[in-house]
Amino acid sequence: MEAMAYGAGKAGGAFDPTAFFQRPHTILRLISRLFSIVIFGSIANEGYVNRPDEVQEFCIFNRNQNACNYKVLMGSLSLLCCLAFLAMDVYFPQISSIKDRKKAVLADVGFSAFWSFMWFVGFCFLSNQWQESKPEDNPLREGWAAARAVIVFTFFSTFTWAAQSFLGYRKYKLGADAALFSQDYVDPSLQDGDSEGPYASVRSRGDDLEGRDQEGASSYQGVNSETGGGYQEY
């Protein structure tokens, strides 16, 4: 089985587009991106209305400009974040450093949880402003469908980003478990009570060779009768 680190194999593998777009994490990012486009487009096209006797347009949510500005900002930033995370997912299997992978996964978990919270705040804010809206401010009910679509997709975005954070947390747990397994690894040769390990036989062979060299050196003894010299034992 291929070694895995934070949900991906070793760096240098070939990119498989089919497998990539079938991943639950990728599907959730694409859905979140679609929701952001719907929210941003609905506010930009039909989020500002006026009375028949007025020229200036106001936000459809209780004429609160902050409500529309908040959703436009959230929609555009969320769209950019989805694209950035998709790019990171493509590049993630090529990261060879375990520490860099861990940082990327933690960033995914943190940002996804943050966006889930912000979308929930936006849902509560828009629902309140929609209830406070006065019928006389929009007697023709222009943009009502768009306003309701913004509220609904804001609510759904809360769960899509929360699911992304959960999947990122699962990847983090996979990486943490793998790290603990490698730290607790014990050499099987040491479990049999052999304190010397596989080097014991090599060391004993070295001792035998050393003893043989000493015996061979002692055999070269003798006295030269002509010069009076001789070989010394070492």
C-alpha atoms as a PDB file:
ATOM      1  CA  MET A   1       0.000   0.000   0.000  1.00  0.00           C
ATOM      2  CA  GLU A   2       1.318   3.422  -0.945  1.00  0.00           C
ATOM      3  CA  ALA A   3       2.450   5.646   1.910  1.00  0.00           C
ATOM      4  CA  MET A   4       0.061   8.513   2.561  1.00  0.00           C
ATOM      5  CA  ALA A   5       0.605  11.863   4.229  1.00  0.00           C
ATOM      6  CA  TYR A   6      -2.418  14.053   5.005  1.00  0.00           C
ATOM      7  CA  GLY A   7      -4.591  12.342   2.422  1.00  0.00           C
ATOM      8  CA  ALA A   8      -2.124  12.301  -0.490  1.00  0.00           C
ATOM      9  CA  GLY A   9       0.625   9.991  -1.669  1.00  0.00           C
ATOM     10  CA  LYS A  10       4.256  10.739  -2.314  1.00  0.00           C
ATOM     11  CA  ALA A  11       5.163  13.816  -4.332  1.00  0.00           C
ATOM     12  CA  GLY A  12       5.874  13.451  -8.028  1.00  0.00           C
ATOM     13  CA  GLY A  13       2.852  11.395  -9.044  1.00  0.00           C
ATOM     14  CA  ALA A  14       0.844  12.088 -12.191  1.00  0.00           C
ATOM     15  CA  PHE A  15      -2.268  14.277 -11.918  1.00  0.00           C
ATOM     16  CA  ASP A  16      -5.534  12.440 -12.589  1.00  0.00           C
ATOM     17  CA  PRO A  17      -8.316  14.937 -13.489  1.00  0.00           C
ATOM     18  CA  THR A  18     -11.063  12.304 -13.315  1.00  0.00           C
ATOM     19  CA  ALA A  19     -10.166  11.202  -9.808  1.00  0.00           C
ATOM     20  CA  PHE A  20      -9.638  14.808  -8.744  1.00  0.00           C
ATOM     21  CA  PHE A  21     -13.112  15.991  -9.756  1.00  0.00           C
ATOM     22  CA  GLN A  22     -14.716  12.931  -8.157  1.00  0.00           C
ATOM     23  CA  ARG A  23     -13.297  13.764  -4.726  1.00  0.00           C
ATOM     24  CA  PRO A  24     -15.942  14.947  -2.206  1.00  0.00           C
ATOM     25  CA  HIS A  25     -13.726  17.893  -1.255  1.00  0.00           C
ATOM     26  CA  THR A  26     -13.529  19.078  -4.859  1.00  0.00           C
ATOM     27  CA  ILE A  27     -17.280  18.671  -5.362  1.00  0.00           C
ATOM     28  CA  LEU A  28     -17.998  20.758  -2.266  1.00  0.00           C
ATOM     29  CA  ARG A  29     -15.651  23.489  -3.443  1.00  0.00           C
ATOM     30  CA  LEU A  30     -17.355  23.629  -6.833  1.00  0.00           C
ATOM     31  CA  ILE A  31     -20.788  23.761  -5.191  1.00  0.00           C
ATOM     32  CA  SER A  32     -19.650  26.560  -2.876  1.00  0.00           C
ATOM     33  CA  ARG A  33     -18.295  28.414  -5.884  1.00  0.00           C
ATOM     34  CA  LEU A  34     -21.648  28.044  -7.653  1.00  0.00           C
ATOM     35  CA  PHE A  35     -23.522  29.346  -4.604  1.00  0.00           C
ATOM     36  CA  SER A  36     -21.196  32.360  -4.425  1.00  0.00           C
ATOM     37  CA  ILE A  37     -21.888  33.198  -8.065  1.00  0.00           C
ATOM     38  CA  VAL A  38     -25.661  32.950  -7.518  1.00  0.00           C
ATOM     39  CA  ILE A  39     -25.516  35.191  -4.435  1.00  0.00           C
ATOM     40  CA  PHE A  40     -23.246  37.757  -6.037  1.00  0.00           C
ATOM     41  CA  GLY A  41     -25.228  37.825  -9.294  1.00  0.00           C
ATOM     42  CA  SER A  42     -28.606  38.096  -7.569  1.00  0.00           C
ATOM     43  CA  ILE A  43     -27.549  41.062  -5.462  1.00  0.00           C
ATOM     44  CA  ALA A  44     -25.789  42.825  -8.331  1.00  0.00           C
ATOM     45  CA  ASN A  45     -28.724  42.432 -10.771  1.00  0.00           C
ATOM     46  CA  GLU A  46     -31.875  42.621  -8.621  1.00  0.00           C
ATOM     47  CA  GLY A  47     -30.721  43.576  -5.148  1.00  0.00           C
ATOM     48  CA  TYR A  48     -31.468  47.314  -5.497  1.00  0.00           C
ATOM     49  CA  VAL A  49     -35.004  48.654  -5.990  1.00  0.00           C
ATOM     50  CA  ASN A  50     -36.878  51.929  -5.570  1.00  0.00           C
ATOM     51  CA  ARG A  51     -40.383  53.243  -5.270  1.00  0.00           C
ATOM     52  CA  PRO A  52     -42.255  54.430  -8.384  1.00  0.00           C
ATOM     53  CA  ASP A  53     -41.834  58.038  -7.274  1.00  0.00           C
ATOM     54  CA  GLU A  54     -38.092  57.718  -6.536  1.00  0.00           C
ATOM     55  CA  VAL A  55     -34.995  57.776  -8.683  1.00  0.00           C
ATOM     56  CA  GLN A  56     -32.407  56.513  -6.247  1.00  0.00           C
ATOM     57  CA  GLU A  57     -32.294  52.778  -5.668  1.00  0.00           C
ATOM     58  CA  PHE A  58     -31.936  51.178  -2.251  1.00  0.00           C
ATOM     59  CA  CYS A  59     -31.050  47.713  -1.024  1.00  0.00           C
ATOM     60  CA  ILE A  60     -33.984  45.325  -1.175  1.00  0.00           C
ATOM     61  CA  PHE A  61     -33.266  44.178   2.383  1.00  0.00           C
ATOM     62  CA  ASN A  62     -34.997  46.893   4.427  1.00  0.00           C
ATOM     63  CA  ARG A  63     -33.171  49.569   2.432  1.00  0.00           C
ATOM     64  CA  ASN A  64     -30.057  48.714   4.400  1.00  0.00           C
ATOM     65  CA  GLN A  65     -27.099  49.314   2.124  1.00  0.00           C
ATOM     66  CA  ASN A  66     -24.844  47.399   4.506  1.00  0.00           C
ATOM     67  CA  ALA A  67     -26.835  44.212   3.912  1.00  0.00           C
ATOM     68  CA  CYS A  68     -26.292  44.275   0.161  1.00  0.00           C
ATOM     69  CA  ASN A  69     -22.674  45.400   0.491  1.00  0.00           C
ATOM     70  CA  TYR A  70     -22.017  42.574   2.928  1.00  0.00           C
ATOM     71  CA  LYS A  71     -23.376  39.931   0.567  1.00  0.00           C
ATOM     72  CA  VAL A  72     -21.548  41.346  -2.451  1.00  0.00           C
ATOM     73  CA  LEU A  73     -18.301  41.301  -0.492  1.00  0.00           C
ATOM     74  CA  MET A  74     -18.926  37.800   0.846  1.00  0.00           C
ATOM     75  CA  GLY A  75     -19.887  36.447  -2.562  1.00  0.00           C
ATOM     76  CA  SER A  76     -16.837  37.853  -4.349  1.00  0.00           C
ATOM     77  CA  LEU A  77     -14.347  36.846  -1.636  1.00  0.00           C
ATOM     78  CA  SER A  78     -15.859  33.390  -1.322  1.00  0.00           C
ATOM     79  CA  LEU A  79     -15.542  32.910  -5.078  1.00  0.00           C
ATOM     80  CA  LEU A  80     -11.851  33.848  -4.960  1.00  0.00           C
ATOM     81  CA  CYS A  81     -11.256  31.571  -1.969  1.00  0.00           C
ATOM     82  CA  CYS A  82     -12.844  28.631  -3.774  1.00  0.00           C
ATOM     83  CA  LEU A  83     -10.546  29.152  -6.754  1.00  0.00           C
ATOM     84  CA  ALA A  84      -7.515  29.452  -4.460  1.00  0.00           C
ATOM     85  CA  PHE A  85      -8.389  26.254  -2.584  1.00  0.00           C
ATOM     86  CA  LEU A  86      -8.962  24.378  -5.841  1.00  0.00           C
ATOM     87  CA  ALA A  87      -5.514  25.442  -7.017  1.00  0.00           C
ATOM     88  CA  MET A  88      -4.052  24.318  -3.699  1.00  0.00           C
ATOM     89  CA  ASP A  89      -5.771  20.924  -4.038  1.00  0.00           C
ATOM     90  CA  VAL A  90      -4.189  20.451  -7.454  1.00  0.00           C
ATOM     91  CA  TYR A  91      -0.727  21.358  -6.164  1.00  0.00           C
ATOM     92  CA  PHE A  92      -1.053  19.569  -2.805  1.00  0.00           C
ATOM     93  CA  PRO A  93       0.134  16.089  -3.965  1.00  0.00           C
ATOM     94  CA  GLN A  94       3.329  17.704  -5.298  1.00  0.00           C
ATOM     95  CA  ILE A  95       4.310  19.067  -1.870  1.00  0.00           C
ATOM     96  CA  SER A  96       7.160  16.909  -0.586  1.00  0.00           C
ATOM     97  CA  SER A  97       7.495  18.499   2.865  1.00  0.00           C
ATOM     98  CA  ILE A  98       5.298  16.979   5.587  1.00  0.00           C
ATOM     99  CA  LYS A  99       5.356  20.258   7.524  1.00  0.00           C
ATOM    100  CA  ASP A 100       4.152  22.231   4.493  1.00  0.00           C
ATOM    101  CA  ARG A 101       1.343  19.747   3.946  1.00  0.00           C
ATOM    102  CA  LYS A 102       0.309  20.082   7.557  1.00  0.00           C
ATOM    103  CA  LYS A 103       0.223  23.880   7.274  1.00  0.00           C
ATOM    104  CA  ALA A 104      -1.879  23.678   4.112  1.00  0.00           C
ATOM    105  CA  VAL A 105      -4.394  21.310   5.714  1.00  0.00           C
ATOM    106  CA  LEU A 106      -4.676  23.444   8.856  1.00  0.00           C
ATOM    107  CA  ALA A 107      -5.194  26.554   6.719  1.00  0.00           C
ATOM    108  CA  ASP A 108      -7.974  24.740   4.864  1.00  0.00           C
ATOM    109  CA  VAL A 109      -9.661  23.745   8.131  1.00  0.00           C
ATOM    110  CA  GLY A 110      -9.376  27.236   9.629  1.00  0.00           C
ATOM    111  CA  PHE A 111     -10.522  29.211   6.579  1.00  0.00           C
ATOM    112  CA  SER A 112     -13.403  26.841   5.841  1.00  0.00           C
ATOM    113  CA  ALA A 113     -14.657  27.067   9.430  1.00  0.00           C
ATOM    114  CA  PHE A 114     -14.338  30.857   9.300  1.00  0.00           C
ATOM    115  CA  TRP A 115     -16.331  31.111   6.077  1.00  0.00           C
ATOM    116  CA  SER A 116     -18.994  28.801   7.456  1.00  0.00           C
ATOM    117  CA  PHE A 117     -19.388  31.102  10.449  1.00  0.00           C
ATOM    118  CA  MET A 118     -19.501  34.216   8.252  1.00  0.00           C
ATOM    119  CA  TRP A 119     -22.156  32.704   6.011  1.00  0.00           C
ATOM    120  CA  PHE A 120     -24.248  31.825   9.053  1.00  0.00           C
ATOM    121  CA  VAL A 121     -23.946  35.390  10.337  1.00  0.00           C
ATOM    122  CA  GLY A 122     -24.966  36.639   6.905  1.00  0.00           C
ATOM    123  CA  PHE A 123     -27.967  34.339   6.844  1.00  0.00           C
ATOM    124  CA  CYS A 124     -29.188  35.607  10.211  1.00  0.00           C
ATOM    125  CA  PHE A 125     -28.559  39.221   9.212  1.00  0.00           C
ATOM    126  CA  LEU A 126     -30.373  38.988   5.871  1.00  0.00           C
ATOM    127  CA  SER A 127     -33.313  37.061   7.357  1.00  0.00           C
ATOM    128  CA  ASN A 128     -33.791  39.756   9.957  1.00  0.00           C
ATOM    129  CA  GLN A 129     -33.566  42.574   7.441  1.00  0.00           C
ATOM    130  CA  TRP A 130     -35.957  40.802   5.081  1.00  0.00           C
ATOM    131  CA  GLN A 131     -38.542  40.501   7.849  1.00  0.00           C
ATOM    132  CA  GLU A 132     -38.125  44.188   8.666  1.00  0.00           C
ATOM    133  CA  SER A 133     -38.637  45.256   5.051  1.00  0.00           C
ATOM    134  CA  LYS A 134     -41.771  47.363   4.449  1.00  0.00           C
ATOM    135  CA  PRO A 135     -44.123  46.431   1.570  1.00  0.00           C
ATOM    136  CA  GLU A 136     -44.579  50.102   0.656  1.00  0.00           C
ATOM    137  CA  ASP A 137     -40.867  50.401  -0.107  1.00  0.00           C
ATOM    138  CA  ASN A 138     -41.306  47.848  -2.903  1.00  0.00           C
ATOM    139  CA  PRO A 139     -44.987  47.800  -3.921  1.00  0.00           C
ATOM    140  CA  LEU A 140     -44.297  45.996  -7.203  1.00  0.00           C
ATOM    141  CA  ARG A 141     -42.356  43.254  -5.385  1.00  0.00           C
ATOM    142  CA  GLU A 142     -39.410  43.607  -7.666  1.00  0.00           C
ATOM    143  CA  GLY A 143     -36.513  41.294  -6.902  1.00  0.00           C
ATOM    144  CA  TRP A 144     -38.367  39.221  -4.343  1.00  0.00           C
ATOM    145  CA  ALA A 145     -37.321  35.950  -5.957  1.00  0.00           C
ATOM    146  CA  ALA A 146     -33.698  37.091  -6.062  1.00  0.00           C
ATOM    147  CA  ALA A 147     -33.783  38.172  -2.402  1.00  0.00           C
ATOM    148  CA  ARG A 148     -35.157  34.829  -1.294  1.00  0.00           C
ATOM    149  CA  ALA A 149     -32.612  32.984  -3.430  1.00  0.00           C
ATOM    150  CA  VAL A 150     -29.832  34.942  -1.718  1.00  0.00           C
ATOM    151  CA  ILE A 151     -31.118  33.947   1.713  1.00  0.00           C
ATOM    152  CA  VAL A 152     -31.529  30.277   0.745  1.00  0.00           C
ATOM    153  CA  PHE A 153     -28.117  29.919  -0.885  1.00  0.00           C
ATOM    154  CA  THR A 154     -26.507  31.763   2.009  1.00  0.00           C
ATOM    155  CA  PHE A 155     -27.994  29.144   4.319  1.00  0.00           C
ATOM    156  CA  PHE A 156     -26.730  26.304   2.109  1.00  0.00           C
ATOM    157  CA  SER A 157     -23.262  27.860   1.923  1.00  0.00           C
ATOM    158  CA  THR A 158     -22.995  27.543   5.689  1.00  0.00           C
ATOM    159  CA  PHE A 159     -23.159  23.764   5.397  1.00  0.00           C
ATOM    160  CA  THR A 160     -20.950  23.406   2.316  1.00  0.00           C
ATOM    161  CA  TRP A 161     -18.118  25.317   3.989  1.00  0.00           C
ATOM    162  CA  ALA A 162     -18.638  23.460   7.263  1.00  0.00           C
ATOM    163  CA  ALA A 163     -18.387  20.164   5.348  1.00  0.00           C
ATOM    164  CA  GLN A 164     -15.127  21.351   3.774  1.00  0.00           C
ATOM    165  CA  SER A 165     -13.749  22.120   7.214  1.00  0.00           C
ATOM    166  CA  PHE A 166     -14.764  18.657   8.420  1.00  0.00           C
ATOM    167  CA  LEU A 167     -13.089  16.919   5.483  1.00  0.00           C
ATOM    168  CA  GLY A 168      -9.954  18.976   6.060  1.00  0.00           C
ATOM    169  CA  TYR A 169      -9.959  17.935   9.707  1.00  0.00           C
ATOM    170  CA  ARG A 170     -10.177  14.281   8.638  1.00  0.00           C
ATOM    171  CA  LYS A 171      -7.121  14.767   6.419  1.00  0.00           C
ATOM    172  CA  TYR A 172      -5.299  16.307   9.379  1.00  0.00           C
ATOM    173  CA  LYS A 173      -6.163  13.329  11.587  1.00  0.00           C
ATOM    174  CA  LEU A 174      -4.879  10.933   8.943  1.00  0.00           C
ATOM    175  CA  GLY A 175      -1.566  12.755   8.882  1.00  0.00           C
ATOM    176  CA  ALA A 176      -1.302  12.807  12.681  1.00  0.00           C
ATOM    177  CA  ASP A 177      -2.004   9.059  12.941  1.00  0.00           C
ATOM    178  CA  ALA A 178       0.666   8.283  10.351  1.00  0.00           C
ATOM    179  CA  ALA A 179       3.216  10.359  12.240  1.00  0.00           C
ATOM    180  CA  LEU A 180       2.469   8.553  15.500  1.00  0.00           C
ATOM    181  CA  PHE A 181       2.786   5.179  13.812  1.00  0.00           C
ATOM    182  CA  SER A 182       6.236   5.998  12.466  1.00  0.00           C
ATOM    183  CA  GLN A 183       7.415   7.171  15.907  1.00  0.00           C
ATOM    184  CA  ASP A 184       6.221   3.999  17.650  1.00  0.00           C
ATOM    185  CA  TYR A 185       7.876   1.710  15.118  1.00  0.00           C
ATOM    186  CA  VAL A 186      10.156  -0.942  16.665  1.00  0.00           C
ATOM    187  CA  ASP A 187      12.704  -2.997  14.765  1.00  0.00           C
ATOM    188  CA  PRO A 188      11.472  -6.636  14.788  1.00  0.00           C
ATOM    189  CA  SER A 189      15.035  -7.898  15.256  1.00  0.00           C
ATOM    190  CA  LEU A 190      15.188  -6.148  18.638  1.00  0.00           C
ATOM    191  CA  GLN A 191      12.016  -7.772  19.935  1.00  0.00           C
ATOM    192  CA  ASP A 192      13.672 -11.218  20.301  1.00  0.00           C
ATOM    193  CA  GLY A 193      15.962 -10.102  23.118  1.00  0.00           C
ATOM    194  CA  ASP A 194      18.960  -9.589  20.817  1.00  0.00           C
ATOM    195  CA  SER A 195      20.497  -6.410  22.163  1.00  0.00           C
ATOM    196  CA  GLU A 196      23.203  -6.383  19.536  1.00  0.00           C
ATOM    197  CA  GLY A 197      20.779  -6.540  16.611  1.00  0.00           C
ATOM    198  CA  PRO A 198      21.859  -7.623  13.112  1.00  0.00           C
ATOM    199  CA  TYR A 199      25.380  -6.285  13.637  1.00  0.00           C
ATOM    200  CA  ALA A 200      26.305  -8.897  16.271  1.00  0.00           C
ATOM    201  CA  SER A 201      27.364 -11.538  13.716  1.00  0.00           C
ATOM    202  CA  VAL A 202      29.442  -9.024  11.771  1.00  0.00           C
ATOM    203  CA  ARG A 203      31.180  -7.903  14.937  1.00  0.00           C
ATOM    204  CA  SER A 204      31.996 -11.517  15.947  1.00  0.00           C
ATOM    205  CA  ARG A 205      33.441 -12.191  12.504  1.00  0.00           C
ATOM    206  CA  GLY A 206      35.659  -9.138  12.859  1.00  0.00           C
ATOM    207  CA  ASP A 207      36.979 -10.470  16.180  1.00  0.00           C
ATOM    208  CA  ASP A 208      37.822 -13.831  14.582  1.00  0.00           C
ATOM    209  CA  LEU A 209      39.714 -12.157  11.745  1.00  0.00           C
ATOM    210  CA  GLU A 210      41.687 -10.054  14.202  1.00  0.00           C
ATOM    211  CA  GLY A 211      42.666 -13.152  16.204  1.00  0.00           C
ATOM    212  CA  ARG A 212      43.818 -14.931  13.051  1.00  0.00           C
ATOM    213  CA  ASP A 213      46.004 -11.991  12.067  1.00  0.00           C
ATOM    214  CA  GLN A 214      47.707 -12.096  15.438  1.00  0.00           C
ATOM    215  CA  GLU A 215      48.401 -15.842  15.123  1.00  0.00           C
ATOM    216  CA  GLY A 216      49.808 -15.331  11.629  1.00  0.00           C
ATOM    217  CA  ALA A 217      52.100 -12.551  12.800  1.00  0.00           C
ATOM    218  CA  SER A 218      53.519 -14.703  15.591  1.00  0.00           C
ATOM    219  CA  SER A 219      54.499 -17.435  13.123  1.00  0.00           C
ATOM    220  CA  TYR A 220      57.052 -15.194  11.415  1.00  0.00           C
ATOM    221  CA  GLN A 221      59.791 -15.642  14.018  1.00  0.00           C
ATOM    222  CA  GLY A 222      63.298 -16.775  13.382  1.00  0.00           C
ATOM    223  CA  VAL A 223      66.954 -15.777  13.564  1.00  0.00           C
ATOM    224  CA  ASN A 224      69.181 -15.059  10.625  1.00  0.00           C
ATOM    225  CA  SER A 225      72.416 -16.839  11.323  1.00  0.00           C
ATOM    226  CA  GLU A 226      74.534 -14.585   9.094  1.00  0.00           C
ATOM    227  CA  THR A 227      73.364 -11.116  10.211  1.00  0.00           C
ATOM    228  CA  GLY A 228      72.296 -11.989  13.692  1.00  0.00           C
ATOM    229  CA  GLY A 229      69.000 -10.203  13.145  1.00  0.00           C
ATOM    230  CA  GLY A 230      65.613 -11.631  13.370  1.00  0.00           C
ATOM    231  CA  TYR A 231      61.899 -10.920  13.080  1.00  0.00           C
ATOM    232  CA  GLN A 232      60.078  -9.591  16.115  1.00  0.00           C
ATOM    233  CA  GLU A 233      56.624 -10.635  17.143  1.00  0.00           C
ATOM    234  CA  TYR A 234      54.028  -7.895  17.039  1.00  0.00           C
END
